[in-house]
């Protein structure tokens, strides 16, 4: 748990800066800048104590690093310390449930997309409903996954591109396997979507995490996987794994030399992992509006943008409405995959 130092700026200047940040929202957001500009003025007495950012993953994890990247600039803008608290377990759902049930008016969460889109679909017993119990604040970073394969394997032509590799995968049928960090993860559902779009049929093998998936490919137990760019790039440098295509609609600045799977003929395929801030649905609307504007503007500052890029994220910084639209679209896509592939929680 970390505490950020209190800012040195005078209170009046801090309030003016916060109001200016709210007014600086890009056009087309969930409310116009004119509608949101009074948000800071509409929250007298708030924050009255430190703001808590709950993260459902361990210290040092990607979501934790993102939350800590925002903690100091948020503290400076709000005039209160910002505390990152790790509530680990159940794939981030314990942390999500903590945020959903928070009533102190000073708790938000940093979430991966699985907690806001997949969790309730794959397991109705999850104790919170992301649509009813959580309120979107801002989508802050997105990243594609990368189709990663062993550098050499039987049945695959040397130096095969994504198109040739998928042709070989169709020939292999269910004799091949692919790895993911578990049932219901984006890597799992994304590969099932890829199977549906391309006619390949590798068998799913769940692992504890992405590093173990990479090890499984290095050991010859797996023939393919969708990996995060940073891990995929580190393994490519060893010469033992190859990167064939990114899952976004176009090329990614995170791995600019890797073509998209769309270029390999996989039509209408767009899959990204992302992280976002959300608040308890019961948090006052004016407070949510203020936080949404601050988080989005902080995400677009050069310092934070650079830090997030180094962590493996393309910075977005949307309005609350922009995040809500992304949640709706991804939930619908994942629901179709879960139903068509008859995927169930284990």
Protein backbone atom coordinates (compact mmCIF):
# COMPACT_ATOMS: atom_id res chain seq x y z
CA UNK A 1 0.00 0.00 0.00
CA UNK A 2 1.47 3.39 -0.96
CA UNK A 3 0.58 6.95 -0.06
CA UNK A 4 1.21 9.88 -2.35
CA UNK A 5 2.43 13.12 -0.85
CA UNK A 6 0.03 16.06 -0.55
CA UNK A 7 0.46 18.68 -3.25
CA UNK A 8 2.22 21.97 -2.67
CA UNK A 9 -0.07 24.06 -4.86
CA UNK A 10 -2.48 26.41 -3.08
CA UNK A 11 -6.01 25.08 -2.73
CA UNK A 12 -7.54 27.76 -4.95
CA UNK A 13 -5.11 26.96 -7.74
CA UNK A 14 -5.74 23.23 -7.40
CA UNK A 15 -9.49 23.81 -7.72
CA UNK A 16 -8.96 25.99 -10.76
CA UNK A 17 -6.75 23.34 -12.36
CA UNK A 18 -9.32 20.63 -11.68
CA UNK A 19 -12.10 22.72 -13.20
CA UNK A 20 -9.90 23.39 -16.23
CA UNK A 21 -9.20 19.69 -16.65
CA UNK A 22 -12.91 18.95 -16.59
CA UNK A 23 -13.59 21.58 -19.23
CA UNK A 24 -10.84 20.17 -21.44
CA UNK A 25 -12.68 16.97 -22.37
CA UNK A 26 -12.53 16.10 -26.04
CA UNK A 27 -15.75 16.74 -28.01
CA UNK A 28 -18.19 13.89 -28.45
CA UNK A 29 -17.84 12.53 -24.93
CA UNK A 30 -20.61 11.42 -22.61
CA UNK A 31 -21.39 15.05 -21.85
CA UNK A 32 -20.15 18.25 -23.40
CA UNK A 33 -17.40 20.31 -21.82
CA UNK A 34 -20.02 22.95 -21.02
CA UNK A 35 -22.10 20.39 -19.15
CA UNK A 36 -19.11 19.01 -17.25
CA UNK A 37 -17.30 22.25 -16.43
CA UNK A 38 -19.30 22.86 -13.21
CA UNK A 39 -18.46 19.35 -11.93
CA UNK A 40 -15.68 20.51 -9.59
CA UNK A 41 -17.86 23.30 -8.24
CA UNK A 42 -20.67 20.80 -7.66
CA UNK A 43 -18.58 18.68 -5.28
CA UNK A 44 -18.04 20.99 -2.28
CA UNK A 45 -16.29 19.23 0.57
CA UNK A 46 -15.19 16.36 -1.66
CA UNK A 47 -12.73 14.78 -1.33
CA UNK A 48 -12.86 14.90 2.45
CA UNK A 49 -10.29 12.13 2.92
CA UNK A 50 -7.84 10.05 0.86
CA UNK A 51 -9.09 8.46 -2.34
CA UNK A 52 -8.70 4.68 -2.47
CA UNK A 53 -7.94 2.86 -5.73
CA UNK A 54 -8.73 -0.85 -5.34
CA UNK A 55 -6.84 -3.26 -7.59
CA UNK A 56 -7.85 -6.92 -7.76
CA UNK A 57 -4.33 -8.13 -8.57
CA UNK A 58 -1.00 -8.32 -6.72
CA UNK A 59 1.51 -5.52 -6.27
CA UNK A 60 3.73 -5.36 -9.33
CA UNK A 61 1.05 -6.71 -11.68
CA UNK A 62 0.10 -4.72 -14.76
CA UNK A 63 -3.15 -3.33 -13.24
CA UNK A 64 -1.28 -2.41 -10.06
CA UNK A 65 1.39 -0.52 -12.02
CA UNK A 66 -1.29 1.38 -13.93
CA UNK A 67 -3.10 2.36 -10.73
CA UNK A 68 0.13 3.60 -9.15
CA UNK A 69 0.93 5.60 -12.28
CA UNK A 70 -2.28 7.56 -11.71
CA UNK A 71 -2.07 7.85 -7.92
CA UNK A 72 0.36 10.77 -7.67
CA UNK A 73 -1.16 13.04 -10.37
CA UNK A 74 -4.63 12.33 -8.96
CA UNK A 75 -3.40 13.30 -5.49
CA UNK A 76 -2.06 16.58 -6.85
CA UNK A 77 -5.32 17.36 -8.63
CA UNK A 78 -7.58 16.43 -5.70
CA UNK A 79 -5.54 17.77 -2.81
CA UNK A 80 -5.72 14.50 -0.91
CA UNK A 81 -3.47 11.41 -0.77
CA UNK A 82 -4.37 8.57 -3.11
CA UNK A 83 -3.92 5.04 -1.75
CA UNK A 84 -3.60 1.92 -3.92
CA UNK A 85 -5.03 -1.11 -2.14
CA UNK A 86 -4.61 -4.64 -3.51
CA UNK A 87 -7.58 -6.97 -2.97
CA UNK A 88 -6.31 -10.10 -4.68
CA UNK A 89 -8.23 -13.17 -5.79
CA UNK A 90 -10.74 -14.75 -8.17
CA UNK A 91 -9.19 -13.19 -11.26
CA UNK A 92 -9.73 -9.68 -9.96
CA UNK A 93 -13.36 -10.26 -8.96
CA UNK A 94 -12.70 -9.86 -5.22
CA UNK A 95 -11.38 -6.38 -5.87
CA UNK A 96 -14.27 -5.61 -8.19
CA UNK A 97 -16.78 -6.72 -5.58
CA UNK A 98 -15.02 -4.54 -2.98
CA UNK A 99 -15.50 -1.49 -5.20
CA UNK A 100 -19.10 -2.38 -6.04
CA UNK A 101 -19.98 -2.54 -2.33
CA UNK A 102 -18.04 0.56 -1.23
CA UNK A 103 -20.23 3.29 0.28
CA UNK A 104 -17.65 5.78 1.55
CA UNK A 105 -17.72 7.97 -1.57
CA UNK A 106 -13.92 7.82 -1.80
CA UNK A 107 -13.31 4.41 -3.44
CA UNK A 108 -12.75 3.61 -7.12
CA UNK A 109 -11.26 0.60 -8.90
CA UNK A 110 -8.74 -0.07 -11.64
CA UNK A 111 -10.13 -2.98 -13.66
CA UNK A 112 -9.14 -5.25 -16.53
CA UNK A 113 -11.81 -5.81 -19.15
CA UNK A 114 -12.57 -9.32 -17.93
CA UNK A 115 -14.01 -7.96 -14.68
CA UNK A 116 -16.28 -5.50 -16.50
CA UNK A 117 -17.37 -7.69 -19.43
CA UNK A 118 -16.71 -11.42 -19.06
CA UNK A 119 -16.97 -12.24 -15.35
CA UNK A 120 -20.74 -12.31 -15.03
CA UNK A 121 -21.22 -13.98 -18.42
CA UNK A 122 -18.93 -16.89 -17.65
CA UNK A 123 -20.04 -17.28 -14.02
CA UNK A 124 -23.46 -15.98 -12.96
CA UNK A 125 -22.48 -16.61 -9.32
CA UNK A 126 -20.03 -13.65 -9.37
CA UNK A 127 -21.32 -11.50 -6.47
CA UNK A 128 -21.43 -8.17 -8.33
CA UNK A 129 -23.10 -7.07 -11.54
CA UNK A 130 -20.74 -4.83 -13.54
CA UNK A 131 -23.61 -3.06 -15.29
CA UNK A 132 -25.69 -2.41 -12.19
CA UNK A 133 -23.14 -2.09 -9.39
CA UNK A 134 -20.31 -0.23 -11.12
CA UNK A 135 -20.24 3.10 -12.96
CA UNK A 136 -17.71 3.66 -15.80
CA UNK A 137 -15.19 6.47 -15.37
CA UNK A 138 -12.55 6.17 -18.13
CA UNK A 139 -10.92 3.63 -20.44
CA UNK A 140 -7.23 4.45 -20.00
CA UNK A 141 -5.23 1.89 -21.99
CA UNK A 142 -5.70 -0.78 -24.65
CA UNK A 143 -3.46 -3.44 -26.14
CA UNK A 144 -3.87 -6.19 -28.72
CA UNK A 145 -2.75 -9.72 -28.10
CA UNK A 146 -0.21 -11.31 -30.43
CA UNK A 147 -0.54 -14.67 -32.17
CA UNK A 148 2.70 -16.28 -31.02
CA UNK A 149 4.06 -19.66 -32.14
CA UNK A 150 7.22 -21.76 -31.75
CA UNK A 151 9.99 -20.75 -34.14
CA UNK A 152 9.98 -24.25 -35.61
CA UNK A 153 7.37 -26.97 -35.40
CA UNK A 154 6.30 -30.00 -37.38
CA UNK A 155 3.79 -29.37 -40.12
CA UNK A 156 4.51 -25.64 -40.39
CA UNK A 157 6.63 -24.30 -43.27
CA UNK A 158 9.80 -22.50 -42.24
CA UNK A 159 9.21 -18.76 -41.77
CA UNK A 160 5.46 -19.21 -42.36
CA UNK A 161 3.39 -16.04 -42.11
CA UNK A 162 0.04 -15.94 -40.31
CA UNK A 163 -1.90 -17.09 -43.38
CA UNK A 164 0.35 -20.13 -43.93
CA UNK A 165 0.36 -20.93 -40.23
CA UNK A 166 -3.46 -20.91 -40.07
CA UNK A 167 -3.55 -23.19 -43.11
CA UNK A 168 -1.28 -25.62 -41.24
CA UNK A 169 -3.45 -25.32 -38.14
CA UNK A 170 -6.54 -26.29 -40.13
CA UNK A 171 -4.73 -29.36 -41.38
CA UNK A 172 -3.67 -30.27 -37.82
CA UNK A 173 -7.22 -30.08 -36.42
CA UNK A 174 -7.44 -31.03 -32.75
CA UNK A 175 -3.95 -32.52 -32.69
CA UNK A 176 -2.68 -29.05 -31.77
CA UNK A 177 -3.16 -27.24 -28.46
CA UNK A 178 -3.21 -23.60 -27.41
CA UNK A 179 -2.59 -22.14 -23.96
CA UNK A 180 -4.21 -19.34 -21.96
CA UNK A 181 -4.19 -18.04 -18.36
CA UNK A 182 -7.49 -19.82 -17.74
CA UNK A 183 -11.10 -20.44 -18.74
CA UNK A 184 -12.99 -17.23 -19.47
CA UNK A 185 -9.91 -15.03 -19.91
CA UNK A 186 -9.61 -12.74 -22.92
CA UNK A 187 -6.90 -15.02 -24.30
CA UNK A 188 -9.24 -18.00 -24.05
CA UNK A 189 -12.33 -16.37 -25.54
CA UNK A 190 -10.23 -14.58 -28.15
CA UNK A 191 -8.72 -17.83 -29.38
CA UNK A 192 -12.15 -19.43 -29.47
CA UNK A 193 -13.30 -16.48 -31.58
CA UNK A 194 -10.28 -17.00 -33.85
CA UNK A 195 -11.20 -20.68 -34.17
CA UNK A 196 -14.75 -19.76 -35.19
CA UNK A 197 -13.51 -17.24 -37.78
CA UNK A 198 -10.79 -19.42 -39.33
CA UNK A 199 -11.91 -23.05 -38.99
CA UNK A 200 -8.91 -24.11 -36.88
CA UNK A 201 -9.53 -26.50 -33.97
CA UNK A 202 -6.69 -26.55 -31.42
CA UNK A 203 -7.56 -27.81 -27.92
CA UNK A 204 -7.55 -25.39 -24.99
CA UNK A 205 -5.02 -25.97 -22.19
CA UNK A 206 -5.34 -23.55 -19.24
CA UNK A 207 -2.22 -22.44 -17.34
CA UNK A 208 -1.75 -20.32 -14.18
CA UNK A 209 -0.56 -17.30 -16.19
CA UNK A 210 0.90 -16.02 -19.44
CA UNK A 211 4.55 -16.74 -18.51
CA UNK A 212 3.66 -20.41 -18.03
CA UNK A 213 1.92 -20.39 -21.42
CA UNK A 214 5.11 -19.15 -23.05
CA UNK A 215 7.06 -21.87 -21.26
CA UNK A 216 4.58 -24.44 -22.56
CA UNK A 217 5.31 -23.37 -26.13
CA UNK A 218 9.04 -23.42 -25.53
CA UNK A 219 8.70 -26.97 -24.21
CA UNK A 220 6.68 -28.17 -27.19
CA UNK A 221 3.44 -28.76 -25.26
CA UNK A 222 1.63 -25.95 -27.11
CA UNK A 223 1.56 -24.96 -30.75
CA UNK A 224 0.12 -21.46 -30.40
CA UNK A 225 -1.12 -18.77 -28.02
CA UNK A 226 -2.32 -15.19 -27.92
CA UNK A 227 0.20 -13.37 -25.71
CA UNK A 228 0.48 -9.77 -24.47
CA UNK A 229 2.95 -7.79 -26.62
CA UNK A 230 5.63 -7.25 -23.94
CA UNK A 231 5.90 -10.97 -23.17
CA UNK A 232 5.71 -11.93 -26.83
CA UNK A 233 8.49 -9.50 -27.77
CA UNK A 234 10.76 -10.71 -24.98
CA UNK A 235 10.36 -14.29 -26.16
CA UNK A 236 10.86 -13.36 -29.81
CA UNK A 237 14.24 -11.87 -28.92
CA UNK A 238 15.40 -15.30 -27.76
CA UNK A 239 14.76 -16.63 -31.26
CA UNK A 240 12.57 -19.45 -29.92
CA UNK A 241 9.13 -17.95 -30.56
CA UNK A 242 7.71 -16.01 -33.51
CA UNK A 243 5.08 -13.26 -33.66
CA UNK A 244 2.66 -13.69 -36.56
CA UNK A 245 -0.17 -11.22 -36.08
CA UNK A 246 -1.84 -8.78 -33.71
CA UNK A 247 -5.51 -9.10 -32.82
CA UNK A 248 -6.44 -5.43 -33.35
CA UNK A 249 -8.03 -4.27 -36.59
CA UNK A 250 -4.80 -2.56 -37.66
CA UNK A 251 -1.16 -2.63 -36.68
CA UNK A 252 -0.24 -1.60 -33.15
CA UNK A 253 2.39 0.93 -32.07
CA UNK A 254 3.29 -1.55 -29.32
CA UNK A 255 4.53 -4.07 -31.91
CA UNK A 256 4.73 -1.99 -35.11
CA UNK A 257 6.57 -4.63 -37.14
CA UNK A 258 3.84 -7.25 -36.71
CA UNK A 259 0.92 -7.28 -39.19
CA UNK A 260 -2.66 -7.54 -38.06
CA UNK A 261 -4.54 -10.80 -38.44
CA UNK A 262 -6.89 -8.89 -40.73
CA UNK A 263 -3.97 -8.65 -43.18
CA UNK A 264 -3.84 -12.46 -43.08
CA UNK A 265 -7.45 -12.65 -44.19
CA UNK A 266 -9.17 -12.98 -40.80
CA UNK A 267 -12.11 -10.68 -41.41
CA UNK A 268 -13.92 -8.62 -38.76
CA UNK A 269 -11.54 -9.72 -36.04
CA UNK A 270 -10.79 -7.20 -33.32
CA UNK A 271 -9.71 -8.23 -29.85
CA UNK A 272 -7.95 -6.12 -27.25
CA UNK A 273 -7.16 -6.30 -23.58
CA UNK A 274 -7.68 -3.06 -21.69
CA UNK A 275 -7.77 -1.42 -18.31
CA UNK A 276 -10.17 1.18 -16.99
CA UNK A 277 -11.36 3.04 -13.93
CA UNK A 278 -14.85 2.54 -12.56
CA UNK A 279 -16.63 3.65 -9.40
CA UNK A 280 -19.43 2.27 -7.24
CA UNK A 281 -22.77 2.98 -8.89
CA UNK A 282 -23.85 4.73 -5.70
CA UNK A 283 -21.11 7.38 -5.85
CA UNK A 284 -22.69 10.81 -6.47
CA UNK A 285 -22.91 11.67 -10.17
CA UNK A 286 -21.05 14.97 -9.75
CA UNK A 287 -18.14 13.21 -8.06
CA UNK A 288 -18.02 10.60 -10.82
CA UNK A 289 -18.03 13.34 -13.46
CA UNK A 290 -15.13 15.09 -11.78
CA UNK A 291 -13.09 11.89 -11.47
CA UNK A 292 -13.89 10.84 -15.04
CA UNK A 293 -12.60 14.13 -16.42
CA UNK A 294 -9.49 14.14 -14.25
CA UNK A 295 -8.52 10.56 -15.07
CA UNK A 296 -9.03 11.05 -18.80
CA UNK A 297 -6.95 14.22 -18.83
CA UNK A 298 -4.17 12.72 -16.69
CA UNK A 299 -3.99 9.72 -19.06
CA UNK A 300 -3.21 12.07 -21.94
CA UNK A 301 -0.40 13.98 -20.23
CA UNK A 302 3.01 13.23 -21.79
CA UNK A 303 4.53 11.80 -18.60
CA UNK A 304 1.69 9.38 -17.88
CA UNK A 305 1.32 8.49 -21.57
CA UNK A 306 5.01 7.51 -21.70
CA UNK A 307 4.79 5.46 -18.51
CA UNK A 308 1.71 3.58 -19.72
CA UNK A 309 3.36 2.90 -23.08
CA UNK A 310 6.36 1.42 -21.29
CA UNK A 311 3.93 -0.79 -19.35
CA UNK A 312 2.49 -2.07 -22.64
CA UNK A 313 -0.55 0.17 -23.16
CA UNK A 314 -1.72 2.43 -25.94
CA UNK A 315 -3.25 5.36 -24.08
CA UNK A 316 -6.90 6.22 -24.67
CA UNK A 317 -8.36 8.32 -21.84
CA UNK A 318 -12.06 8.25 -22.73
CA UNK A 319 -15.11 9.81 -21.15
CA UNK A 320 -17.39 7.71 -18.97
CA UNK A 321 -19.72 7.29 -21.92
CA UNK A 322 -16.84 6.11 -24.12
CA UNK A 323 -15.98 3.41 -21.60
CA UNK A 324 -19.66 2.43 -21.30
CA UNK A 325 -19.85 1.93 -25.06
CA UNK A 326 -16.72 -0.22 -25.01
CA UNK A 327 -18.10 -2.34 -22.17
CA UNK A 328 -21.36 -2.87 -24.05
CA UNK A 329 -19.61 -3.80 -27.32
CA UNK A 330 -17.12 -6.18 -25.74
CA UNK A 331 -19.76 -7.79 -23.53
CA UNK A 332 -21.92 -8.49 -26.58
CA UNK A 333 -18.95 -9.94 -28.49
CA UNK A 334 -17.85 -12.17 -25.62
CA UNK A 335 -21.42 -13.30 -24.95
CA UNK A 336 -21.69 -14.51 -28.55
CA UNK A 337 -18.42 -16.44 -28.22
CA UNK A 338 -19.41 -18.02 -24.90
CA UNK A 339 -22.79 -19.12 -26.27
CA UNK A 340 -21.58 -20.35 -29.65
CA UNK A 341 -18.65 -22.29 -28.17
CA UNK A 342 -20.63 -23.48 -25.11
CA UNK A 343 -17.96 -22.25 -22.68
CA UNK A 344 -18.59 -22.75 -18.98
CA UNK A 345 -16.71 -21.79 -15.84
CA UNK A 346 -14.68 -24.61 -14.32
